[in-house]
Amino acid sequence: MSRLTFILAALGLALAAAAGGTWWILSLRQDVADLTRERDAALRTIEAHEEAARVLDAHIQFQTAERQRWEQIAKDLDNMEGADAPLSDYGRAVLDRVR
């Protein structure tokens, strides 16, 4: 009977090892699936941030061009300020001589 007990114990141990190995492999597969989902979500987040950065860069470039355009308009207006004012007597005399 001791031989039968030894065989049953070895069989039980082998079964426990097989069950433990199966559980371990299934656990690893689940971990791989979880990590794959997390990686995919992180990649989507990165892509969204890259798109947001492209949109922001385009907006900043547009705003910079607009600011430069308005600064040029303001400069032109400053230069033209008083251009339609009547000339002084001296300025009128100089203009008449030049013509």
C-alpha atoms as a PDB file:
ATOM      1  CA  MET A   1       0.000   0.000   0.000  1.00  0.00           C
ATOM      2  CA  SER A   2       2.862   2.327   0.470  1.00  0.00           C
ATOM      3  CA  ARG A   3       3.689   2.029  -3.201  1.00  0.00           C
ATOM      4  CA  LEU A   4       0.122   2.995  -4.150  1.00  0.00           C
ATOM      5  CA  THR A   5       0.274   5.936  -1.758  1.00  0.00           C
ATOM      6  CA  PHE A   6       3.558   7.034  -3.284  1.00  0.00           C
ATOM      7  CA  ILE A   7       2.105   6.809  -6.833  1.00  0.00           C
ATOM      8  CA  LEU A   8      -1.043   8.723  -5.824  1.00  0.00           C
ATOM      9  CA  ALA A   9       1.039  11.377  -4.085  1.00  0.00           C
ATOM     10  CA  ALA A  10       3.270  11.743  -7.154  1.00  0.00           C
ATOM     11  CA  LEU A  11       0.197  11.892  -9.393  1.00  0.00           C
ATOM     12  CA  GLY A  12      -1.375  14.524  -7.145  1.00  0.00           C
ATOM     13  CA  LEU A  13       1.839  16.518  -7.131  1.00  0.00           C
ATOM     14  CA  ALA A  14       2.050  16.309 -10.935  1.00  0.00           C
ATOM     15  CA  LEU A  15      -1.570  17.408 -11.225  1.00  0.00           C
ATOM     16  CA  ALA A  16      -0.975  20.327  -8.863  1.00  0.00           C
ATOM     17  CA  ALA A  17       2.110  21.328 -10.842  1.00  0.00           C
ATOM     18  CA  ALA A  18       0.172  21.122 -14.129  1.00  0.00           C
ATOM     19  CA  ALA A  19      -2.693  23.165 -12.678  1.00  0.00           C
ATOM     20  CA  GLY A  20      -0.264  25.713 -11.258  1.00  0.00           C
ATOM     21  CA  GLY A  21       1.575  25.944 -14.581  1.00  0.00           C
ATOM     22  CA  THR A  22      -1.689  26.363 -16.467  1.00  0.00           C
ATOM     23  CA  TRP A  23      -2.834  29.070 -14.063  1.00  0.00           C
ATOM     24  CA  TRP A  24       0.544  30.809 -14.390  1.00  0.00           C
ATOM     25  CA  ILE A  25       0.423  30.732 -18.213  1.00  0.00           C
ATOM     26  CA  LEU A  26      -3.171  32.027 -18.245  1.00  0.00           C
ATOM     27  CA  SER A  27      -2.172  34.753 -15.813  1.00  0.00           C
ATOM     28  CA  LEU A  28       0.738  35.748 -18.062  1.00  0.00           C
ATOM     29  CA  ARG A  29      -1.561  35.866 -21.094  1.00  0.00           C
ATOM     30  CA  GLN A  30      -3.984  38.082 -19.190  1.00  0.00           C
ATOM     31  CA  ASP A  31      -1.105  40.352 -18.168  1.00  0.00           C
ATOM     32  CA  VAL A  32       0.032  40.576 -21.789  1.00  0.00           C
ATOM     33  CA  ALA A  33      -3.512  41.440 -22.900  1.00  0.00           C
ATOM     34  CA  ASP A  34      -3.803  44.109 -20.180  1.00  0.00           C
ATOM     35  CA  LEU A  35      -0.440  45.610 -21.088  1.00  0.00           C
ATOM     36  CA  THR A  36      -1.347  45.602 -24.778  1.00  0.00           C
ATOM     37  CA  ARG A  37      -4.571  47.498 -24.031  1.00  0.00           C
ATOM     38  CA  GLU A  38      -2.680  49.988 -21.865  1.00  0.00           C
ATOM     39  CA  ARG A  39      -0.045  50.479 -24.587  1.00  0.00           C
ATOM     40  CA  ASP A  40      -2.718  51.044 -27.225  1.00  0.00           C
ATOM     41  CA  ALA A  41      -4.471  53.586 -25.007  1.00  0.00           C
ATOM     42  CA  ALA A  42      -1.166  55.364 -24.353  1.00  0.00           C
ATOM     43  CA  LEU A  43      -0.418  55.458 -28.093  1.00  0.00           C
ATOM     44  CA  ARG A  44      -3.852  56.963 -28.781  1.00  0.00           C
ATOM     45  CA  THR A  45      -3.214  59.564 -26.092  1.00  0.00           C
ATOM     46  CA  ILE A  46       0.164  60.402 -27.624  1.00  0.00           C
ATOM     47  CA  GLU A  47      -1.407  60.732 -31.084  1.00  0.00           C
ATOM     48  CA  ALA A  48      -4.087  63.033 -29.663  1.00  0.00           C
ATOM     49  CA  HIS A  49      -1.425  65.179 -27.982  1.00  0.00           C
ATOM     50  CA  GLU A  50       0.603  65.334 -31.196  1.00  0.00           C
ATOM     51  CA  GLU A  51      -2.487  66.482 -33.123  1.00  0.00           C
ATOM     52  CA  ALA A  52      -3.242  69.061 -30.450  1.00  0.00           C
ATOM     53  CA  ALA A  53       0.347  70.313 -30.697  1.00  0.00           C
ATOM     54  CA  ARG A  54       0.047  70.617 -34.494  1.00  0.00           C
ATOM     55  CA  VAL A  55      -3.195  72.576 -34.156  1.00  0.00           C
ATOM     56  CA  LEU A  56      -1.673  74.807 -31.481  1.00  0.00           C
ATOM     57  CA  ASP A  57       1.427  75.468 -33.616  1.00  0.00           C
ATOM     58  CA  ALA A  58      -0.761  76.412 -36.585  1.00  0.00           C
ATOM     59  CA  HIS A  59      -2.818  78.719 -34.349  1.00  0.00           C
ATOM     60  CA  ILE A  60       0.309  80.354 -32.937  1.00  0.00           C
ATOM     61  CA  GLN A  61       1.702  80.900 -36.443  1.00  0.00           C
ATOM     62  CA  PHE A  62      -1.594  82.431 -37.560  1.00  0.00           C
ATOM     63  CA  GLN A  63      -1.758  84.679 -34.495  1.00  0.00           C
ATOM     64  CA  THR A  64       1.857  85.767 -35.024  1.00  0.00           C
ATOM     65  CA  ALA A  65       1.113  86.678 -38.645  1.00  0.00           C
ATOM     66  CA  GLU A  66      -2.018  88.567 -37.564  1.00  0.00           C
ATOM     67  CA  ARG A  67      -0.100  90.443 -34.874  1.00  0.00           C
ATOM     68  CA  GLN A  68       2.588  91.427 -37.386  1.00  0.00           C
ATOM     69  CA  ARG A  69      -0.058  92.531 -39.877  1.00  0.00           C
ATOM     70  CA  TRP A  70      -1.808  94.716 -37.295  1.00  0.00           C
ATOM     71  CA  GLU A  71       1.508  96.135 -36.101  1.00  0.00           C
ATOM     72  CA  GLN A  72       2.269  97.137 -39.702  1.00  0.00           C
ATOM     73  CA  ILE A  73      -1.174  98.713 -40.047  1.00  0.00           C
ATOM     74  CA  ALA A  74      -0.627 100.647 -36.806  1.00  0.00           C
ATOM     75  CA  LYS A  75       2.799 101.777 -38.023  1.00  0.00           C
ATOM     76  CA  ASP A  76       1.329 102.900 -41.347  1.00  0.00           C
ATOM     77  CA  LEU A  77      -1.413 104.817 -39.535  1.00  0.00           C
ATOM     78  CA  ASP A  78       1.175 106.490 -37.295  1.00  0.00           C
ATOM     79  CA  ASN A  79       3.173 107.527 -40.358  1.00  0.00           C
ATOM     80  CA  MET A  80       0.082 108.884 -42.098  1.00  0.00           C
ATOM     81  CA  GLU A  81      -1.161 110.734 -39.049  1.00  0.00           C
ATOM     82  CA  GLY A  82      -1.430 114.413 -39.859  1.00  0.00           C
ATOM     83  CA  ALA A  83      -0.789 113.837 -43.569  1.00  0.00           C
ATOM     84  CA  ASP A  84      -4.175 115.320 -44.416  1.00  0.00           C
ATOM     85  CA  ALA A  85      -3.691 118.324 -42.148  1.00  0.00           C
ATOM     86  CA  PRO A  86      -3.395 121.687 -43.918  1.00  0.00           C
ATOM     87  CA  LEU A  87       0.177 122.778 -44.556  1.00  0.00           C
ATOM     88  CA  SER A  88       1.689 125.663 -42.707  1.00  0.00           C
ATOM     89  CA  ASP A  89       2.414 128.813 -44.687  1.00  0.00           C
ATOM     90  CA  TYR A  90       6.066 127.843 -44.870  1.00  0.00           C
ATOM     91  CA  GLY A  91       5.239 124.270 -46.012  1.00  0.00           C
ATOM     92  CA  ARG A  92       2.824 125.638 -48.662  1.00  0.00           C
ATOM     93  CA  ALA A  93       5.498 128.011 -49.976  1.00  0.00           C
ATOM     94  CA  VAL A  94       8.075 125.207 -50.211  1.00  0.00           C
ATOM     95  CA  LEU A  95       5.573 122.973 -52.002  1.00  0.00           C
ATOM     96  CA  ASP A  96       4.687 125.726 -54.455  1.00  0.00           C
ATOM     97  CA  ARG A  97       8.387 126.273 -55.258  1.00  0.00           C
ATOM     98  CA  VAL A  98       8.963 122.554 -55.815  1.00  0.00           C
ATOM     99  CA  ARG A  99       6.045 122.300 -58.228  1.00  0.00           C
END
